[in-house]
Amino acid sequence: MRASPTTMALMYFFIGALLVYFAIQNVSTAGWNFWSYLIIAFATIDFMIAVRFFLLRRAIKRIQKKNKKKD
C-alpha cells in the first residue's frame, strides 16, 4: 500500500521538527558546533521534502479536478 503525499509530508515535517528539537538541545549543552549545523541541515532538507510533498498533493488534486470536468 502506498502512502499518500499528505501522509509523507506530515511524516517529513514531524522528523524535521524532531531534528530541530535535538539541535536546540545540542546547542544548549555544547554550543554551536559541527553536529549542531549538521542536524539543522538535515532538518532543513526534511522541511523542503515536506513542502514538495504538499505541492505534489496540490498538483494531483488540480489534475483530478481537471479530469473530472472533462467527464
Foldseek 3Di string as FASTA:
>chain_A
DDDALQVLLVVLLVQLVVLLVVLVVCCVVPNDDPVSVVSNVSSVVSNVSSVVSVVVVVVVVVVVVVVVVVD
